[in-house]
Amino acid sequence: MPDIFVKPENIKNEATLSSNGSNHIRMFSAFCVKPLGVSFAEQAPDEKILLFLRRHFITNLLWILITSLLLLAPILYLIFRSQLQLEIINLPLQFILIFIIFYYLAVFAYAFINFLSWFYNVFIVTQKRVVDIDYSNIVIHNVAFTKLSHVQDVNYSQVGFIHSLFNYGDVFLQTAGTEVNFEALSVPQPRRAAHIIAELIGKEAHKT
């Protein structure tokens, strides 16, 4: 899988680059223009990342809430079992402890996989191409590339109160011919992202 959090070798002075409009990316950043300290495996030496996107952090709220409830469930059961008149099946203490351990391991695995799915699903735009990294689980990932010159159109969609309140939505890139179209789903500031990509497409068109 492309390493997206390794500092590029050609970056020698971050302070200088910051003065030129680049930004230090944070661990949980979901929108960053000209990010510093980000690279991917197939990146060319002269290729600069101009836009870094991933799903808005608010999209994690559901699985975080589910994880919290699952973590609290055994504790709540022990607190309220007398009122609910429920009893644990009569098993040896060792079996109960083993069950609890496996239960919490499963809960942490659920949370960990959901976090990785959010963290490593990224959408990158350079001055040369678009890179879409889709991470399904620990063993399945897909990386798609297309040249910026092959992108014919870009638009965005922001539907619903929640999307408008937290300012996130979907960005769609239409490519030429039979190439796969690209989507950046539930990303922050979709209008700004689409505008940045449209400007890059325009500059690429002027070159050709």
N, C-alpha and C. Protein backbone atom coordinates (compact mmCIF):
# COMPACT_ATOMS: atom_id res chain seq x y z
N MET A 1 0.85 -1.19 0.00
CA MET A 1 0.00 0.00 0.00
C MET A 1 0.88 1.24 0.00
N PRO A 2 0.53 2.28 -0.76
CA PRO A 2 1.33 3.48 -0.79
C PRO A 2 1.51 4.06 0.59
N ASP A 3 2.73 4.46 0.87
CA ASP A 3 3.03 5.07 2.17
C ASP A 3 2.71 6.55 2.07
N ILE A 4 1.63 6.99 2.70
CA ILE A 4 1.17 8.36 2.52
C ILE A 4 1.59 9.28 3.65
N PHE A 5 2.39 8.76 4.59
CA PHE A 5 2.81 9.61 5.68
C PHE A 5 4.32 9.53 5.90
N VAL A 6 5.06 9.47 4.81
CA VAL A 6 6.51 9.50 4.86
C VAL A 6 6.98 10.80 4.24
N LYS A 7 7.85 11.47 4.90
CA LYS A 7 8.33 12.75 4.41
C LYS A 7 9.09 12.57 3.12
N PRO A 8 8.73 13.27 2.03
CA PRO A 8 9.43 13.14 0.77
C PRO A 8 10.89 13.50 0.91
N GLU A 9 11.76 12.79 0.16
CA GLU A 9 13.19 13.01 0.28
C GLU A 9 13.60 14.38 -0.23
N ASN A 10 12.84 14.93 -1.20
CA ASN A 10 13.25 16.19 -1.79
C ASN A 10 12.85 17.40 -0.95
N ILE A 11 12.21 17.16 0.21
CA ILE A 11 11.87 18.27 1.11
C ILE A 11 13.02 18.46 2.09
N LYS A 12 13.71 19.58 1.98
CA LYS A 12 14.88 19.82 2.81
C LYS A 12 14.62 20.86 3.89
N ASN A 13 13.76 21.81 3.60
CA ASN A 13 13.53 22.88 4.55
C ASN A 13 12.05 23.18 4.63
N GLU A 14 11.36 22.63 5.65
CA GLU A 14 9.93 22.79 5.78
C GLU A 14 9.55 24.24 6.06
N ALA A 15 10.41 24.96 6.77
CA ALA A 15 10.11 26.36 7.07
C ALA A 15 10.03 27.18 5.79
N THR A 16 10.95 26.91 4.86
CA THR A 16 10.94 27.63 3.59
C THR A 16 9.70 27.30 2.80
N LEU A 17 9.35 26.02 2.77
CA LEU A 17 8.17 25.62 2.03
C LEU A 17 6.90 26.20 2.64
N SER A 18 6.86 26.30 3.95
CA SER A 18 5.69 26.87 4.61
C SER A 18 5.48 28.32 4.20
N SER A 19 6.58 29.04 4.02
CA SER A 19 6.47 30.43 3.60
C SER A 19 5.94 30.56 2.18
N ASN A 20 5.97 29.46 1.41
CA ASN A 20 5.48 29.47 0.04
C ASN A 20 4.05 28.96 -0.06
N GLY A 21 3.36 28.86 1.07
CA GLY A 21 1.95 28.49 1.03
C GLY A 21 1.66 27.05 1.36
N SER A 22 2.66 26.26 1.72
CA SER A 22 2.42 24.87 2.09
C SER A 22 1.95 24.79 3.53
N ASN A 23 1.37 23.66 3.88
CA ASN A 23 0.78 23.50 5.21
C ASN A 23 1.26 22.21 5.84
N HIS A 24 1.51 22.26 7.14
CA HIS A 24 1.87 21.06 7.88
C HIS A 24 0.60 20.24 8.11
N ILE A 25 0.59 19.02 7.66
CA ILE A 25 -0.59 18.17 7.81
C ILE A 25 -0.57 17.51 9.18
N ARG A 26 -1.73 17.45 9.79
CA ARG A 26 -1.85 16.79 11.09
C ARG A 26 -2.38 15.38 10.91
N MET A 27 -2.30 14.61 11.97
CA MET A 27 -2.67 13.20 11.89
C MET A 27 -4.11 13.00 11.44
N PHE A 28 -5.03 13.83 11.93
CA PHE A 28 -6.44 13.66 11.63
C PHE A 28 -6.94 14.67 10.59
N SER A 29 -6.03 15.27 9.84
CA SER A 29 -6.43 16.21 8.81
C SER A 29 -7.25 15.51 7.74
N ALA A 30 -8.30 16.18 7.28
CA ALA A 30 -9.13 15.63 6.21
C ALA A 30 -9.11 16.50 4.97
N PHE A 31 -8.58 17.71 5.09
CA PHE A 31 -8.46 18.62 3.96
C PHE A 31 -7.19 19.42 4.14
N CYS A 32 -6.30 19.35 3.17
CA CYS A 32 -5.05 20.10 3.28
C CYS A 32 -4.56 20.47 1.88
N VAL A 33 -4.26 21.76 1.70
CA VAL A 33 -3.72 22.25 0.44
C VAL A 33 -2.20 22.33 0.56
N LYS A 34 -1.51 21.80 -0.43
CA LYS A 34 -0.04 21.76 -0.44
C LYS A 34 0.51 21.21 0.87
N PRO A 35 0.14 19.99 1.23
CA PRO A 35 0.57 19.44 2.53
C PRO A 35 2.05 19.12 2.57
N LEU A 36 2.64 19.32 3.72
CA LEU A 36 4.03 18.93 3.96
C LEU A 36 4.07 17.57 4.65
N GLY A 37 5.10 16.79 4.37
CA GLY A 37 5.29 15.52 5.06
C GLY A 37 4.40 14.42 4.55
N VAL A 38 3.88 14.52 3.32
CA VAL A 38 3.03 13.48 2.75
C VAL A 38 3.63 13.03 1.43
N SER A 39 3.64 11.73 1.20
CA SER A 39 4.09 11.21 -0.08
C SER A 39 3.39 9.89 -0.34
N PHE A 40 3.50 9.36 -1.54
CA PHE A 40 2.98 8.04 -1.85
C PHE A 40 4.03 7.29 -2.66
N ALA A 41 3.89 5.98 -2.73
CA ALA A 41 4.96 5.12 -3.22
C ALA A 41 5.39 5.44 -4.65
N GLU A 42 4.44 5.74 -5.54
CA GLU A 42 4.76 5.96 -6.95
C GLU A 42 5.02 7.43 -7.27
N GLN A 43 5.20 8.26 -6.28
CA GLN A 43 5.40 9.68 -6.51
C GLN A 43 6.73 9.96 -7.20
N ALA A 44 6.69 10.76 -8.27
CA ALA A 44 7.90 11.13 -9.00
C ALA A 44 8.69 12.16 -8.20
N PRO A 45 10.01 12.23 -8.43
CA PRO A 45 10.84 13.17 -7.65
C PRO A 45 10.39 14.62 -7.78
N ASP A 46 9.88 15.01 -8.95
CA ASP A 46 9.46 16.40 -9.16
C ASP A 46 7.96 16.60 -8.99
N GLU A 47 7.27 15.59 -8.46
CA GLU A 47 5.83 15.65 -8.32
C GLU A 47 5.45 16.18 -6.94
N LYS A 48 4.63 17.20 -6.93
CA LYS A 48 4.22 17.84 -5.67
C LYS A 48 2.74 17.60 -5.41
N ILE A 49 2.43 17.24 -4.18
CA ILE A 49 1.03 17.05 -3.79
C ILE A 49 0.42 18.43 -3.52
N LEU A 50 -0.67 18.72 -4.23
CA LEU A 50 -1.31 20.02 -4.11
C LEU A 50 -2.59 19.98 -3.30
N LEU A 51 -3.20 18.80 -3.20
CA LEU A 51 -4.44 18.68 -2.44
C LEU A 51 -4.55 17.29 -1.84
N PHE A 52 -4.84 17.25 -0.55
CA PHE A 52 -4.98 16.00 0.19
C PHE A 52 -6.37 15.97 0.82
N LEU A 53 -7.13 14.89 0.53
CA LEU A 53 -8.50 14.78 1.03
C LEU A 53 -8.74 13.41 1.64
N ARG A 54 -9.55 13.37 2.67
CA ARG A 54 -10.14 12.14 3.17
C ARG A 54 -11.52 12.49 3.74
N ARG A 55 -12.30 11.49 4.08
CA ARG A 55 -13.65 11.75 4.59
C ARG A 55 -13.60 12.64 5.83
N HIS A 56 -14.62 13.48 5.94
CA HIS A 56 -14.75 14.35 7.11
C HIS A 56 -14.79 13.49 8.37
N PHE A 57 -14.16 13.98 9.44
CA PHE A 57 -14.09 13.18 10.67
C PHE A 57 -15.47 12.90 11.25
N ILE A 58 -16.44 13.77 10.96
CA ILE A 58 -17.79 13.58 11.49
C ILE A 58 -18.40 12.27 10.99
N THR A 59 -17.92 11.75 9.85
CA THR A 59 -18.45 10.50 9.31
C THR A 59 -18.08 9.30 10.18
N ASN A 60 -17.17 9.49 11.12
CA ASN A 60 -16.79 8.42 12.04
C ASN A 60 -17.71 8.33 13.25
N LEU A 61 -18.62 9.28 13.37
CA LEU A 61 -19.42 9.38 14.59
C LEU A 61 -20.21 8.11 14.87
N LEU A 62 -20.77 7.47 13.84
CA LEU A 62 -21.62 6.30 14.05
C LEU A 62 -20.83 5.14 14.65
N TRP A 63 -19.69 4.80 14.05
CA TRP A 63 -18.94 3.65 14.59
C TRP A 63 -18.30 3.98 15.94
N ILE A 64 -17.98 5.25 16.19
CA ILE A 64 -17.47 5.64 17.51
C ILE A 64 -18.56 5.46 18.56
N LEU A 65 -19.78 5.85 18.22
CA LEU A 65 -20.91 5.69 19.14
C LEU A 65 -21.20 4.21 19.40
N ILE A 66 -21.19 3.40 18.34
CA ILE A 66 -21.42 1.95 18.51
C ILE A 66 -20.34 1.34 19.38
N THR A 67 -19.08 1.71 19.13
CA THR A 67 -17.97 1.19 19.93
C THR A 67 -18.13 1.56 21.40
N SER A 68 -18.51 2.79 21.67
CA SER A 68 -18.70 3.24 23.06
C SER A 68 -19.79 2.43 23.75
N LEU A 69 -20.89 2.19 23.04
CA LEU A 69 -21.97 1.41 23.63
C LEU A 69 -21.55 -0.04 23.88
N LEU A 70 -20.80 -0.60 22.95
CA LEU A 70 -20.32 -1.98 23.13
C LEU A 70 -19.35 -2.08 24.30
N LEU A 71 -18.51 -1.07 24.48
CA LEU A 71 -17.57 -1.08 25.60
C LEU A 71 -18.30 -0.97 26.94
N LEU A 72 -19.39 -0.21 26.95
CA LEU A 72 -20.12 0.00 28.20
C LEU A 72 -21.14 -1.10 28.49
N ALA A 73 -21.50 -1.89 27.47
CA ALA A 73 -22.57 -2.87 27.63
C ALA A 73 -22.34 -3.85 28.79
N PRO A 74 -21.17 -4.50 28.90
CA PRO A 74 -20.98 -5.42 30.03
C PRO A 74 -21.07 -4.73 31.39
N ILE A 75 -20.54 -3.50 31.46
CA ILE A 75 -20.56 -2.77 32.72
C ILE A 75 -22.00 -2.41 33.09
N LEU A 76 -22.77 -1.96 32.11
CA LEU A 76 -24.17 -1.62 32.35
C LEU A 76 -24.97 -2.85 32.74
N TYR A 77 -24.62 -3.99 32.14
CA TYR A 77 -25.32 -5.23 32.49
C TYR A 77 -25.08 -5.58 33.96
N LEU A 78 -23.82 -5.48 34.38
CA LEU A 78 -23.51 -5.82 35.77
C LEU A 78 -24.20 -4.86 36.75
N ILE A 79 -24.35 -3.60 36.34
CA ILE A 79 -24.98 -2.62 37.23
C ILE A 79 -26.47 -2.86 37.36
N PHE A 80 -27.10 -3.20 36.22
CA PHE A 80 -28.56 -3.26 36.21
C PHE A 80 -29.13 -4.68 36.20
N ARG A 81 -28.29 -5.68 36.34
CA ARG A 81 -28.81 -7.05 36.20
C ARG A 81 -29.78 -7.41 37.33
N SER A 82 -29.55 -6.86 38.52
CA SER A 82 -30.47 -7.17 39.62
C SER A 82 -31.85 -6.56 39.38
N GLN A 83 -31.86 -5.31 38.84
CA GLN A 83 -33.13 -4.68 38.54
C GLN A 83 -33.85 -5.38 37.37
N LEU A 84 -33.05 -5.86 36.41
CA LEU A 84 -33.64 -6.53 35.23
C LEU A 84 -33.91 -8.00 35.49
N GLN A 85 -33.47 -8.49 36.67
CA GLN A 85 -33.65 -9.89 37.03
C GLN A 85 -33.02 -10.83 36.00
N LEU A 86 -31.82 -10.47 35.62
CA LEU A 86 -31.06 -11.30 34.68
C LEU A 86 -29.87 -11.88 35.41
N GLU A 87 -29.51 -13.05 35.04
CA GLU A 87 -28.37 -13.71 35.67
C GLU A 87 -27.44 -14.27 34.59
N ILE A 88 -26.14 -14.20 34.85
CA ILE A 88 -25.17 -14.80 33.95
C ILE A 88 -25.28 -16.32 34.05
N ILE A 89 -25.14 -16.98 32.91
CA ILE A 89 -25.17 -18.44 32.91
C ILE A 89 -24.13 -18.95 33.89
N ASN A 90 -24.50 -19.96 34.63
CA ASN A 90 -23.63 -20.48 35.67
C ASN A 90 -22.42 -21.18 35.05
N LEU A 91 -21.35 -20.43 34.87
CA LEU A 91 -20.11 -20.94 34.29
C LEU A 91 -18.96 -20.64 35.24
N PRO A 92 -17.88 -21.40 35.14
CA PRO A 92 -16.70 -21.10 35.96
C PRO A 92 -16.16 -19.71 35.65
N LEU A 93 -15.55 -19.12 36.64
CA LEU A 93 -15.03 -17.75 36.50
C LEU A 93 -14.04 -17.64 35.35
N GLN A 94 -13.23 -18.70 35.13
CA GLN A 94 -12.24 -18.66 34.06
C GLN A 94 -12.90 -18.49 32.69
N PHE A 95 -14.01 -19.20 32.46
CA PHE A 95 -14.72 -19.11 31.18
C PHE A 95 -15.32 -17.71 30.98
N ILE A 96 -15.83 -17.15 32.08
CA ILE A 96 -16.41 -15.81 31.99
C ILE A 96 -15.33 -14.78 31.65
N LEU A 97 -14.16 -14.91 32.27
CA LEU A 97 -13.06 -13.99 31.99
C LEU A 97 -12.59 -14.12 30.55
N ILE A 98 -12.48 -15.35 30.05
CA ILE A 98 -12.07 -15.58 28.67
C ILE A 98 -13.09 -14.96 27.70
N PHE A 99 -14.36 -15.14 28.00
CA PHE A 99 -15.41 -14.56 27.15
C PHE A 99 -15.31 -13.05 27.13
N ILE A 100 -15.08 -12.43 28.30
CA ILE A 100 -14.97 -10.98 28.36
C ILE A 100 -13.78 -10.48 27.56
N ILE A 101 -12.65 -11.21 27.67
CA ILE A 101 -11.45 -10.82 26.92
C ILE A 101 -11.71 -10.86 25.43
N PHE A 102 -12.30 -11.96 24.94
CA PHE A 102 -12.59 -12.08 23.51
C PHE A 102 -13.61 -11.04 23.07
N TYR A 103 -14.55 -10.74 23.93
CA TYR A 103 -15.56 -9.72 23.61
C TYR A 103 -14.90 -8.37 23.37
N TYR A 104 -14.03 -7.96 24.30
CA TYR A 104 -13.39 -6.66 24.15
C TYR A 104 -12.38 -6.65 23.00
N LEU A 105 -11.74 -7.78 22.73
CA LEU A 105 -10.86 -7.86 21.55
C LEU A 105 -11.65 -7.64 20.27
N ALA A 106 -12.84 -8.23 20.20
CA ALA A 106 -13.71 -8.06 19.02
C ALA A 106 -14.14 -6.61 18.89
N VAL A 107 -14.47 -5.97 20.01
CA VAL A 107 -14.89 -4.57 19.97
C VAL A 107 -13.74 -3.68 19.49
N PHE A 108 -12.54 -3.90 20.03
CA PHE A 108 -11.39 -3.10 19.62
C PHE A 108 -11.03 -3.36 18.16
N ALA A 109 -11.18 -4.60 17.70
CA ALA A 109 -10.93 -4.91 16.29
C ALA A 109 -11.90 -4.16 15.39
N TYR A 110 -13.16 -4.13 15.79
CA TYR A 110 -14.18 -3.39 15.04
C TYR A 110 -13.81 -1.91 14.93
N ALA A 111 -13.41 -1.32 16.06
CA ALA A 111 -13.04 0.10 16.06
C ALA A 111 -11.77 0.34 15.24
N PHE A 112 -10.81 -0.56 15.37
CA PHE A 112 -9.53 -0.40 14.67
C PHE A 112 -9.71 -0.47 13.16
N ILE A 113 -10.51 -1.43 12.68
CA ILE A 113 -10.74 -1.57 11.25
C ILE A 113 -11.48 -0.35 10.69
N ASN A 114 -12.46 0.15 11.43
CA ASN A 114 -13.18 1.34 10.99
C ASN A 114 -12.27 2.56 10.95
N PHE A 115 -11.37 2.67 11.93
CA PHE A 115 -10.43 3.79 11.93
C PHE A 115 -9.49 3.71 10.75
N LEU A 116 -8.95 2.51 10.49
CA LEU A 116 -8.04 2.36 9.36
C LEU A 116 -8.74 2.66 8.04
N SER A 117 -10.00 2.23 7.94
CA SER A 117 -10.76 2.49 6.72
C SER A 117 -10.90 3.99 6.49
N TRP A 118 -11.09 4.77 7.54
CA TRP A 118 -11.16 6.22 7.39
C TRP A 118 -9.78 6.81 7.14
N PHE A 119 -8.79 6.36 7.89
CA PHE A 119 -7.47 6.99 7.88
C PHE A 119 -6.75 6.80 6.55
N TYR A 120 -6.88 5.61 5.95
CA TYR A 120 -6.12 5.30 4.75
C TYR A 120 -6.90 5.45 3.45
N ASN A 121 -8.19 5.77 3.50
CA ASN A 121 -8.92 6.10 2.29
C ASN A 121 -8.68 7.57 1.98
N VAL A 122 -7.77 7.84 1.07
CA VAL A 122 -7.38 9.22 0.79
C VAL A 122 -7.47 9.51 -0.71
N PHE A 123 -7.59 10.77 -0.99
CA PHE A 123 -7.70 11.26 -2.36
C PHE A 123 -6.64 12.34 -2.52
N ILE A 124 -5.71 12.14 -3.45
CA ILE A 124 -4.56 13.04 -3.60
C ILE A 124 -4.55 13.61 -5.01
N VAL A 125 -4.28 14.90 -5.09
CA VAL A 125 -4.14 15.57 -6.39
C VAL A 125 -2.77 16.22 -6.45
N THR A 126 -2.01 15.90 -7.48
CA THR A 126 -0.71 16.53 -7.71
C THR A 126 -0.80 17.41 -8.96
N GLN A 127 0.31 18.03 -9.33
CA GLN A 127 0.30 18.85 -10.54
C GLN A 127 0.28 17.98 -11.80
N LYS A 128 0.41 16.64 -11.62
CA LYS A 128 0.45 15.74 -12.77
C LYS A 128 -0.75 14.80 -12.86
N ARG A 129 -1.30 14.38 -11.70
CA ARG A 129 -2.32 13.34 -11.73
C ARG A 129 -3.18 13.35 -10.48
N VAL A 130 -4.18 12.47 -10.54
CA VAL A 130 -5.09 12.24 -9.42
C VAL A 130 -4.85 10.83 -8.90
N VAL A 131 -4.76 10.69 -7.60
CA VAL A 131 -4.51 9.39 -6.97
C VAL A 131 -5.64 9.11 -5.99
N ASP A 132 -6.32 7.98 -6.18
CA ASP A 132 -7.42 7.58 -5.30
C ASP A 132 -7.04 6.28 -4.61
N ILE A 133 -6.84 6.33 -3.30
CA ILE A 133 -6.46 5.15 -2.52
C ILE A 133 -7.67 4.68 -1.73
N ASP A 134 -8.16 3.52 -2.07
CA ASP A 134 -9.32 2.93 -1.39
C ASP A 134 -8.86 1.76 -0.54
N TYR A 135 -9.10 1.87 0.74
CA TYR A 135 -8.67 0.85 1.72
C TYR A 135 -9.92 0.21 2.30
N SER A 136 -10.16 -1.06 1.92
CA SER A 136 -11.36 -1.74 2.38
C SER A 136 -11.16 -2.37 3.75
N ASN A 137 -10.07 -3.08 3.93
CA ASN A 137 -9.72 -3.66 5.22
C ASN A 137 -8.22 -3.90 5.26
N ILE A 138 -7.76 -4.67 6.22
CA ILE A 138 -6.33 -4.83 6.42
C ILE A 138 -5.64 -5.44 5.21
N VAL A 139 -6.30 -6.30 4.46
CA VAL A 139 -5.65 -7.03 3.37
C VAL A 139 -6.12 -6.60 1.98
N ILE A 140 -7.13 -5.75 1.89
CA ILE A 140 -7.67 -5.36 0.60
C ILE A 140 -7.57 -3.85 0.43
N HIS A 141 -6.89 -3.43 -0.62
CA HIS A 141 -6.82 -2.01 -0.95
C HIS A 141 -6.69 -1.86 -2.46
N ASN A 142 -7.10 -0.72 -2.93
CA ASN A 142 -7.07 -0.46 -4.36
C ASN A 142 -6.55 0.96 -4.59
N VAL A 143 -5.63 1.09 -5.54
CA VAL A 143 -5.05 2.39 -5.86
C VAL A 143 -5.30 2.68 -7.33
N ALA A 144 -5.93 3.82 -7.62
CA ALA A 144 -6.23 4.20 -9.00
C ALA A 144 -5.55 5.53 -9.32
N PHE A 145 -5.02 5.63 -10.54
CA PHE A 145 -4.35 6.84 -11.00
C PHE A 145 -4.99 7.31 -12.30
N THR A 146 -4.93 8.60 -12.54
CA THR A 146 -5.22 9.14 -13.86
C THR A 146 -4.47 10.44 -14.02
N LYS A 147 -4.01 10.70 -15.23
CA LYS A 147 -3.32 11.96 -15.49
C LYS A 147 -4.31 13.12 -15.37
N LEU A 148 -3.82 14.23 -14.90
CA LEU A 148 -4.67 15.41 -14.75
C LEU A 148 -5.22 15.87 -16.10
N SER A 149 -4.45 15.63 -17.14
CA SER A 149 -4.89 16.04 -18.48
C SER A 149 -6.06 15.19 -18.97
N HIS A 150 -6.31 14.02 -18.35
CA HIS A 150 -7.41 13.16 -18.74
C HIS A 150 -8.73 13.51 -18.04
N VAL A 151 -8.66 14.40 -17.06
CA VAL A 151 -9.87 14.81 -16.34
C VAL A 151 -10.58 15.87 -17.16
N GLN A 152 -11.80 15.60 -17.55
CA GLN A 152 -12.56 16.51 -18.41
C GLN A 152 -13.47 17.46 -17.63
N ASP A 153 -13.96 17.00 -16.49
CA ASP A 153 -14.91 17.83 -15.76
C ASP A 153 -14.85 17.49 -14.27
N VAL A 154 -15.15 18.47 -13.43
CA VAL A 154 -15.20 18.26 -11.99
C VAL A 154 -16.42 18.97 -11.44
N ASN A 155 -17.15 18.31 -10.56
CA ASN A 155 -18.29 18.93 -9.91
C ASN A 155 -18.42 18.37 -8.50
N TYR A 156 -19.28 18.98 -7.71
CA TYR A 156 -19.44 18.53 -6.33
C TYR A 156 -20.91 18.49 -5.97
N SER A 157 -21.21 17.73 -4.92
CA SER A 157 -22.58 17.60 -4.43
C SER A 157 -22.56 17.73 -2.91
N GLN A 158 -23.48 18.54 -2.40
CA GLN A 158 -23.59 18.75 -0.95
C GLN A 158 -25.07 18.82 -0.61
N VAL A 159 -25.63 17.69 -0.23
CA VAL A 159 -27.07 17.56 -0.04
C VAL A 159 -27.37 17.24 1.41
N GLY A 160 -28.32 17.95 1.99
CA GLY A 160 -28.77 17.65 3.35
C GLY A 160 -28.27 18.64 4.37
N PHE A 161 -29.01 18.72 5.48
CA PHE A 161 -28.69 19.68 6.53
C PHE A 161 -27.35 19.37 7.19
N ILE A 162 -27.10 18.10 7.50
CA ILE A 162 -25.85 17.72 8.18
C ILE A 162 -24.65 18.05 7.31
N HIS A 163 -24.74 17.76 6.00
CA HIS A 163 -23.65 18.07 5.09
C HIS A 163 -23.38 19.57 5.05
N SER A 164 -24.44 20.35 5.03
CA SER A 164 -24.26 21.80 4.98
C SER A 164 -23.74 22.34 6.30
N LEU A 165 -24.25 21.77 7.42
CA LEU A 165 -23.83 22.25 8.74
C LEU A 165 -22.33 22.04 8.96
N PHE A 166 -21.84 20.86 8.59
CA PHE A 166 -20.42 20.55 8.81
C PHE A 166 -19.58 20.77 7.55
N ASN A 167 -20.20 21.26 6.49
CA ASN A 167 -19.51 21.63 5.26
C ASN A 167 -18.69 20.48 4.68
N TYR A 168 -19.38 19.40 4.36
CA TYR A 168 -18.73 18.31 3.64
C TYR A 168 -19.67 17.75 2.59
N GLY A 169 -19.09 17.08 1.60
CA GLY A 169 -19.88 16.55 0.49
C GLY A 169 -19.02 15.71 -0.43
N ASP A 170 -19.50 15.47 -1.63
CA ASP A 170 -18.84 14.58 -2.59
C ASP A 170 -18.29 15.39 -3.77
N VAL A 171 -17.10 15.02 -4.21
CA VAL A 171 -16.47 15.62 -5.38
C VAL A 171 -16.34 14.55 -6.46
N PHE A 172 -16.77 14.86 -7.68
CA PHE A 172 -16.77 13.89 -8.77
C PHE A 172 -15.89 14.40 -9.91
N LEU A 173 -15.02 13.52 -10.41
CA LEU A 173 -14.16 13.84 -11.54
C LEU A 173 -14.52 12.93 -12.71
N GLN A 174 -14.83 13.54 -13.82
CA GLN A 174 -15.16 12.79 -15.03
C GLN A 174 -13.93 12.73 -15.93
N THR A 175 -13.53 11.51 -16.27
CA THR A 175 -12.32 11.33 -17.07
C THR A 175 -12.68 11.03 -18.53
N ALA A 176 -11.67 11.10 -19.36
CA ALA A 176 -11.87 10.91 -20.80
C ALA A 176 -12.00 9.43 -21.15
N GLY A 177 -12.76 9.16 -22.21
CA GLY A 177 -12.84 7.82 -22.77
C GLY A 177 -13.42 6.80 -21.81
N THR A 178 -12.76 5.65 -21.77
CA THR A 178 -13.24 4.52 -20.97
C THR A 178 -12.59 4.46 -19.59
N GLU A 179 -11.83 5.47 -19.22
CA GLU A 179 -11.18 5.47 -17.91
C GLU A 179 -12.22 5.58 -16.79
N VAL A 180 -11.85 5.04 -15.64
CA VAL A 180 -12.74 5.07 -14.49
C VAL A 180 -12.88 6.49 -13.96
N ASN A 181 -14.12 6.90 -13.68
CA ASN A 181 -14.35 8.20 -13.06
C ASN A 181 -13.93 8.15 -11.59
N PHE A 182 -13.52 9.28 -11.06
CA PHE A 182 -13.00 9.34 -9.70
C PHE A 182 -14.00 10.06 -8.80
N GLU A 183 -14.07 9.58 -7.55
CA GLU A 183 -14.98 10.16 -6.56
C GLU A 183 -14.24 10.36 -5.24
N ALA A 184 -14.41 11.51 -4.67
CA ALA A 184 -13.94 11.78 -3.31
C ALA A 184 -15.19 12.03 -2.46
N LEU A 185 -15.58 11.04 -1.68
CA LEU A 185 -16.86 11.06 -0.99
C LEU A 185 -16.74 11.61 0.43
N SER A 186 -17.71 12.44 0.81
CA SER A 186 -17.84 12.97 2.17
C SER A 186 -16.60 13.73 2.62
N VAL A 187 -16.00 14.49 1.72
CA VAL A 187 -14.79 15.25 2.05
C VAL A 187 -15.16 16.66 2.51
N PRO A 188 -14.34 17.26 3.36
CA PRO A 188 -14.62 18.64 3.80
C PRO A 188 -14.47 19.63 2.65
N GLN A 189 -15.19 20.73 2.74
CA GLN A 189 -15.09 21.85 1.79
C GLN A 189 -15.12 21.37 0.34
N PRO A 190 -16.18 20.67 -0.07
CA PRO A 190 -16.21 20.14 -1.43
C PRO A 190 -16.17 21.21 -2.51
N ARG A 191 -16.80 22.35 -2.24
CA ARG A 191 -16.78 23.43 -3.23
C ARG A 191 -15.36 23.93 -3.48
N ARG A 192 -14.63 24.13 -2.38
CA ARG A 192 -13.24 24.60 -2.52
C ARG A 192 -12.38 23.55 -3.20
N ALA A 193 -12.58 22.28 -2.83
CA ALA A 193 -11.80 21.20 -3.45
C ALA A 193 -12.05 21.14 -4.95
N ALA A 194 -13.33 21.23 -5.35
CA ALA A 194 -13.67 21.19 -6.77
C ALA A 194 -13.07 22.39 -7.50
N HIS A 195 -13.07 23.55 -6.85
CA HIS A 195 -12.51 24.75 -7.47
C HIS A 195 -11.00 24.60 -7.68
N ILE A 196 -10.30 24.06 -6.69
CA ILE A 196 -8.85 23.86 -6.80
C ILE A 196 -8.54 22.90 -7.94
N ILE A 197 -9.28 21.80 -8.02
CA ILE A 197 -9.04 20.82 -9.08
C ILE A 197 -9.35 21.41 -10.44
N ALA A 198 -10.44 22.19 -10.53
CA ALA A 198 -10.80 22.83 -11.80
C ALA A 198 -9.70 23.78 -12.27
N GLU A 199 -9.10 24.51 -11.34
CA GLU A 199 -8.00 25.41 -11.71
C GLU A 199 -6.80 24.62 -12.23
N LEU A 200 -6.50 23.50 -11.60
CA LEU A 200 -5.38 22.66 -12.05
C LEU A 200 -5.66 22.10 -13.43
N ILE A 201 -6.91 21.69 -13.67
CA ILE A 201 -7.29 21.18 -15.00
C ILE A 201 -7.11 22.27 -16.06
N GLY A 202 -7.51 23.51 -15.71
CA GLY A 202 -7.36 24.62 -16.63
C GLY A 202 -5.91 24.90 -16.96
N LYS A 203 -5.06 24.86 -15.94
CA LYS A 203 -3.63 25.09 -16.18
C LYS A 203 -3.04 23.98 -17.06
N GLU A 204 -3.48 22.75 -16.82
CA GLU A 204 -2.99 21.62 -17.61
C GLU A 204 -3.44 21.76 -19.07
N ALA A 205 -4.68 22.24 -19.26
CA ALA A 205 -5.20 22.42 -20.61
C ALA A 205 -4.41 23.49 -21.37
N HIS A 206 -4.00 24.55 -20.68
CA HIS A 206 -3.23 25.62 -21.32
C HIS A 206 -1.85 25.12 -21.75
N LYS A 207 -1.31 24.17 -20.99
CA LYS A 207 0.01 23.62 -21.33
C LYS A 207 -0.03 22.86 -22.65
N THR A 208 -1.16 22.13 -22.84
CA THR A 208 -1.30 21.32 -24.04
C THR A 208 -1.85 22.14 -25.20
